[in-house]
C-alpha atoms as a PDB file:
ATOM      1  CA  MET A   1     -24.864  38.235 -19.217  1.00  0.00           C
ATOM      2  CA  SER A   2     -24.052  35.574 -21.592  1.00  0.00           C
ATOM      3  CA  PHE A   3     -23.780  31.770 -19.659  1.00  0.00           C
ATOM      4  CA  THR A   4     -19.911  31.690 -19.231  1.00  0.00           C
ATOM      5  CA  ASP A   5     -20.265  34.944 -16.523  1.00  0.00           C
ATOM      6  CA  THR A   6     -23.264  32.974 -15.186  1.00  0.00           C
ATOM      7  CA  PRO A   7     -22.730  30.797 -11.932  1.00  0.00           C
ATOM      8  CA  ILE A   8     -22.994  27.983 -14.254  1.00  0.00           C
ATOM      9  CA  GLY A   9     -21.088  28.940 -17.106  1.00  0.00           C
ATOM     10  CA  LEU A  10     -17.845  29.102 -13.913  1.00  0.00           C
ATOM     11  CA  LEU A  11     -18.935  26.011 -12.184  1.00  0.00           C
ATOM     12  CA  ALA A  12     -18.379  24.120 -16.104  1.00  0.00           C
ATOM     13  CA  LYS A  13     -15.413  26.393 -17.401  1.00  0.00           C
ATOM     14  CA  ARG A  14     -13.755  24.605 -14.311  1.00  0.00           C
ATOM     15  CA  VAL A  15     -15.078  21.693 -14.051  1.00  0.00           C
ATOM     16  CA  ALA A  16     -13.515  21.692 -17.973  1.00  0.00           C
ATOM     17  CA  SER A  17     -10.180  23.052 -17.077  1.00  0.00           C
ATOM     18  CA  LEU A  18      -9.446  19.570 -14.896  1.00  0.00           C
ATOM     19  CA  ASN A  19      -6.506  18.540 -15.025  1.00  0.00           C
ATOM     20  CA  GLU A  20      -7.324  14.555 -13.738  1.00  0.00           C
ATOM     21  CA  ASN A  21      -3.629  13.464 -13.074  1.00  0.00           C
ATOM     22  CA  LYS A  22      -2.970  16.662 -10.596  1.00  0.00           C
ATOM     23  CA  ILE A  23      -6.291  15.284  -8.900  1.00  0.00           C
ATOM     24  CA  TRP A  24      -5.231  11.652  -9.039  1.00  0.00           C
ATOM     25  CA  LEU A  25      -1.360  12.831  -7.964  1.00  0.00           C
ATOM     26  CA  LEU A  26      -2.630  15.401  -5.338  1.00  0.00           C
ATOM     27  CA  SER A  27      -5.320  12.107  -4.149  1.00  0.00           C
ATOM     28  CA  ALA A  28      -2.749   9.279  -3.251  1.00  0.00           C
ATOM     29  CA  ASN A  29       1.171  10.567  -3.788  1.00  0.00           C
ATOM     30  CA  ASN A  30       1.033  11.569   0.053  1.00  0.00           C
ATOM     31  CA  ARG A  31       3.151  10.788   3.521  1.00  0.00           C
ATOM     32  CA  PHE A  32      -0.020   9.418   4.858  1.00  0.00           C
ATOM     33  CA  ILE A  33      -1.312   7.025   1.656  1.00  0.00           C
ATOM     34  CA  LYS A  34       2.286   5.536   1.076  1.00  0.00           C
ATOM     35  CA  GLU A  35       2.694   5.091   5.094  1.00  0.00           C
ATOM     36  CA  LEU A  36      -0.334   3.587   5.101  1.00  0.00           C
ATOM     37  CA  ILE A  37      -0.242   0.920   2.174  1.00  0.00           C
ATOM     38  CA  ILE A  38       3.400  -0.189   3.895  1.00  0.00           C
ATOM     39  CA  GLU A  39       1.433  -0.857   7.543  1.00  0.00           C
ATOM     40  CA  LEU A  40      -1.582  -2.846   5.568  1.00  0.00           C
ATOM     41  CA  ASN A  41       1.566  -5.015   4.024  1.00  0.00           C
ATOM     42  CA  THR A  42       4.113  -4.881   6.658  1.00  0.00           C
ATOM     43  CA  GLN A  43       1.904  -4.475  10.040  1.00  0.00           C
ATOM     44  CA  ASP A  44      -1.825  -5.833   8.942  1.00  0.00           C
ATOM     45  CA  GLN A  45      -1.103  -9.185   6.567  1.00  0.00           C
ATOM     46  CA  LEU A  46       2.662  -9.799   7.303  1.00  0.00           C
ATOM     47  CA  PHE A  47       3.024  -9.579  11.338  1.00  0.00           C
ATOM     48  CA  ASP A  48      -0.410  -9.610  12.694  1.00  0.00           C
ATOM     49  CA  ASP A  49      -1.864 -12.090   9.451  1.00  0.00           C
ATOM     50  CA  ASN A  50       1.095 -13.555   8.057  1.00  0.00           C
ATOM     51  CA  VAL A  51      -0.107 -14.117   4.683  1.00  0.00           C
ATOM     52  CA  ASP A  52       0.357 -12.595   1.411  1.00  0.00           C
ATOM     53  CA  SER A  53      -1.719 -10.327  -0.805  1.00  0.00           C
ATOM     54  CA  LYS A  54      -3.379 -13.144  -1.336  1.00  0.00           C
ATOM     55  CA  GLY A  55      -4.639 -13.522   1.690  1.00  0.00           C
ATOM     56  CA  VAL A  56      -2.147 -17.080   1.798  1.00  0.00           C
ATOM     57  CA  ARG A  57      -0.868 -18.020   5.179  1.00  0.00           C
ATOM     58  CA  LEU A  58       3.329 -17.304   4.753  1.00  0.00           C
ATOM     59  CA  ASN A  59       3.454 -20.930   6.391  1.00  0.00           C
ATOM     60  CA  ALA A  60       1.771 -22.578   2.914  1.00  0.00           C
ATOM     61  CA  ILE A  61       4.091 -21.660   0.707  1.00  0.00           C
ATOM     62  CA  GLY A  62       7.886 -21.500   2.246  1.00  0.00           C
ATOM     63  CA  GLY A  63       7.254 -23.630   5.377  1.00  0.00           C
ATOM     64  CA  ASN A  64       7.820 -23.351   8.516  1.00  0.00           C
ATOM     65  CA  TYR A  65      10.591 -21.124  11.028  1.00  0.00           C
ATOM     66  CA  SER A  66      12.798 -23.743  12.369  1.00  0.00           C
ATOM     67  CA  PRO A  67      13.134 -24.915  16.414  1.00  0.00           C
ATOM     68  CA  VAL A  68      16.349 -22.731  16.625  1.00  0.00           C
ATOM     69  CA  THR A  69      15.141 -19.581  14.754  1.00  0.00           C
ATOM     70  CA  LEU A  70      11.721 -19.664  17.462  1.00  0.00           C
ATOM     71  CA  ILE A  71      14.785 -19.599  20.086  1.00  0.00           C
ATOM     72  CA  ILE A  72      16.711 -16.602  19.143  1.00  0.00           C
ATOM     73  CA  ASP A  73      13.794 -14.310  18.197  1.00  0.00           C
ATOM     74  CA  LYS A  74      11.430 -14.988  21.801  1.00  0.00           C
ATOM     75  CA  ARG A  75       9.038 -12.582  19.490  1.00  0.00           C
ATOM     76  CA  LYS A  76       8.021 -15.089  17.611  1.00  0.00           C
ATOM     77  CA  LYS A  77       4.758 -17.235  19.266  1.00  0.00           C
ATOM     78  CA  SER A  78       5.268 -20.223  17.138  1.00  0.00           C
ATOM     79  CA  LEU A  79       7.207 -22.388  14.150  1.00  0.00           C
ATOM     80  CA  GLN A  80       4.051 -20.962  12.092  1.00  0.00           C
ATOM     81  CA  ASP A  81       4.298 -17.726  12.817  1.00  0.00           C
ATOM     82  CA  ILE A  82       5.574 -16.690   9.886  1.00  0.00           C
ATOM     83  CA  ASN A  83       5.914 -12.694   9.373  1.00  0.00           C
ATOM     84  CA  LEU A  84       9.512 -12.110   7.517  1.00  0.00           C
ATOM     85  CA  PHE A  85      10.327  -9.642  10.286  1.00  0.00           C
ATOM     86  CA  SER A  86      13.413 -11.212  12.143  1.00  0.00           C
ATOM     87  CA  THR A  87      15.723  -8.008  12.494  1.00  0.00           C
ATOM     88  CA  GLY A  88      13.017  -5.661  10.631  1.00  0.00           C
ATOM     89  CA  GLU A  89      15.567  -4.616   8.163  1.00  0.00           C
ATOM     90  CA  PHE A  90      13.322  -6.362   5.603  1.00  0.00           C
ATOM     91  CA  TYR A  91       9.935  -4.162   6.473  1.00  0.00           C
ATOM     92  CA  GLU A  92      12.198  -0.911   6.943  1.00  0.00           C
ATOM     93  CA  SER A  93      12.933  -1.517   3.653  1.00  0.00           C
ATOM     94  CA  TRP A  94       9.552  -0.826   1.548  1.00  0.00           C
ATOM     95  CA  LYS A  95       8.892   2.014  -0.910  1.00  0.00           C
ATOM     96  CA  VAL A  96       5.674   2.684  -1.985  1.00  0.00           C
ATOM     97  CA  THR A  97       5.707   5.342  -5.498  1.00  0.00           C
ATOM     98  CA  VAL A  98       2.931   7.210  -6.841  1.00  0.00           C
ATOM     99  CA  SER A  99       2.859   8.213 -10.442  1.00  0.00           C
ATOM    100  CA  VAL A 100      -0.310   9.092 -13.121  1.00  0.00           C
ATOM    101  CA  LYS A 101       0.225   5.307 -14.307  1.00  0.00           C
ATOM    102  CA  GLY A 102      -0.504   3.795 -10.552  1.00  0.00           C
ATOM    103  CA  ILE A 103       1.106   2.489  -7.192  1.00  0.00           C
ATOM    104  CA  LEU A 104       4.728   0.742  -6.981  1.00  0.00           C
ATOM    105  CA  ILE A 105       5.383  -1.022  -3.910  1.00  0.00           C
ATOM    106  CA  GLU A 106       9.025  -2.470  -3.754  1.00  0.00           C
ATOM    107  CA  ALA A 107      11.396  -3.449  -1.019  1.00  0.00           C
ATOM    108  CA  GLU A 108      14.591  -5.410  -0.606  1.00  0.00           C
ATOM    109  CA  THR A 109      13.696  -9.125  -0.539  1.00  0.00           C
ATOM    110  CA  ASP A 110      17.543 -10.544  -1.708  1.00  0.00           C
ATOM    111  CA  LYS A 111      19.091 -11.139   2.329  1.00  0.00           C
ATOM    112  CA  GLY A 112      21.978 -11.834   0.698  1.00  0.00           C
ATOM    113  CA  ASP A 113      22.620 -15.561   1.421  1.00  0.00           C
ATOM    114  CA  ASN A 114      18.836 -16.128   0.512  1.00  0.00           C
ATOM    115  CA  ASP A 115      15.844 -13.754  -0.948  1.00  0.00           C
ATOM    116  CA  LEU A 116      12.245 -13.873   0.776  1.00  0.00           C
ATOM    117  CA  GLU A 117      10.644 -14.146  -2.807  1.00  0.00           C
ATOM    118  CA  ASP A 118      12.511 -17.072  -3.398  1.00  0.00           C
ATOM    119  CA  ARG A 119      10.941 -18.677  -0.139  1.00  0.00           C
ATOM    120  CA  TRP A 120       7.500 -16.976   0.534  1.00  0.00           C
ATOM    121  CA  GLY A 121       7.211 -16.151  -3.352  1.00  0.00           C
ATOM    122  CA  LYS A 122       6.278 -12.176  -4.630  1.00  0.00           C
ATOM    123  CA  ASN A 123       2.884 -12.316  -3.326  1.00  0.00           C
ATOM    124  CA  ILE A 124       4.387 -10.957   0.069  1.00  0.00           C
ATOM    125  CA  ILE A 125       4.730  -7.577  -1.306  1.00  0.00           C
ATOM    126  CA  GLY A 126       1.735  -5.957  -2.281  1.00  0.00           C
ATOM    127  CA  LEU A 127      -2.173  -5.706  -0.577  1.00  0.00           C
ATOM    128  CA  THR A 128      -5.226  -8.123  -0.222  1.00  0.00           C
ATOM    129  CA  ASP A 129      -8.206  -7.517  -1.730  1.00  0.00           C
ATOM    130  CA  GLU A 130      -9.318  -5.778   1.427  1.00  0.00           C
ATOM    131  CA  ASN A 131      -6.716  -3.767   2.629  1.00  0.00           C
ATOM    132  CA  LEU A 132      -6.821  -2.455  -1.216  1.00  0.00           C
ATOM    133  CA  GLY A 133     -10.731  -1.645  -0.527  1.00  0.00           C
ATOM    134  CA  VAL A 134      -9.182   0.717   2.418  1.00  0.00           C
ATOM    135  CA  VAL A 135      -6.344   2.547   0.069  1.00  0.00           C
ATOM    136  CA  ILE A 136      -9.145   3.338  -2.236  1.00  0.00           C
ATOM    137  CA  GLU A 137     -11.245   4.295   0.110  1.00  0.00           C
ATOM    138  CA  GLU A 138      -9.066   6.374   1.344  1.00  0.00           C
ATOM    139  CA  ILE A 139      -7.493   8.226  -2.038  1.00  0.00           C
ATOM    140  CA  LYS A 140     -11.537   8.932  -3.114  1.00  0.00           C
ATOM    141  CA  GLN A 141     -12.051  10.885  -0.008  1.00  0.00           C
ATOM    142  CA  ASN A 142      -8.569  12.651  -1.007  1.00  0.00           C
ATOM    143  CA  TYR A 143      -9.613  12.775  -4.927  1.00  0.00           C
ATOM    144  CA  ILE A 144     -13.589  14.026  -3.617  1.00  0.00           C
ATOM    145  CA  ARG A 145     -12.145  16.875  -1.264  1.00  0.00           C
ATOM    146  CA  ILE A 146      -9.208  17.230  -4.286  1.00  0.00           C
ATOM    147  CA  LEU A 147     -11.940  18.131  -6.694  1.00  0.00           C
ATOM    148  CA  ARG A 148     -14.129  20.141  -5.277  1.00  0.00           C
ATOM    149  CA  LYS A 149     -11.703  22.628  -4.121  1.00  0.00           C
ATOM    150  CA  GLU A 150     -10.638  22.704  -7.430  1.00  0.00           C
ATOM    151  CA  ILE A 151     -13.635  23.975  -9.175  1.00  0.00           C
ATOM    152  CA  GLY A 152     -14.875  26.054  -5.305  1.00  0.00           C
ATOM    153  CA  ILE A 153     -17.599  24.040  -4.835  1.00  0.00           C
END
């Protein structure tokens, strides 16, 4: 019996044949991860915490809502609760694309007469360090599970 026919030899052969790009894509390019990224960005950061991806409060960047906006939109508690959810159109426009190069988060910020990025900055799209850690942990768990399956352990 040669080494390649032993259990360790067979395992080594499976490990050597792994495709890292395939495992990455299987780990990150799924509905759960994409929905998690969007939820953390829109619901957690923008809606609940009123912060951009750097953790900066939106009213410190682009100012407060006008008193008229507060009257029109009863969901807003105060002029300072900037959550960029007037009609929900912005939140619905989010898209996550996963490739071997990484993860791209996009959203339609142009609202015709104004662009949300012009007023509140490019960091309205993207995850805070804390939320990035949540996503990394989920992808890592997927990666380990898929890696174990691929090598048969």
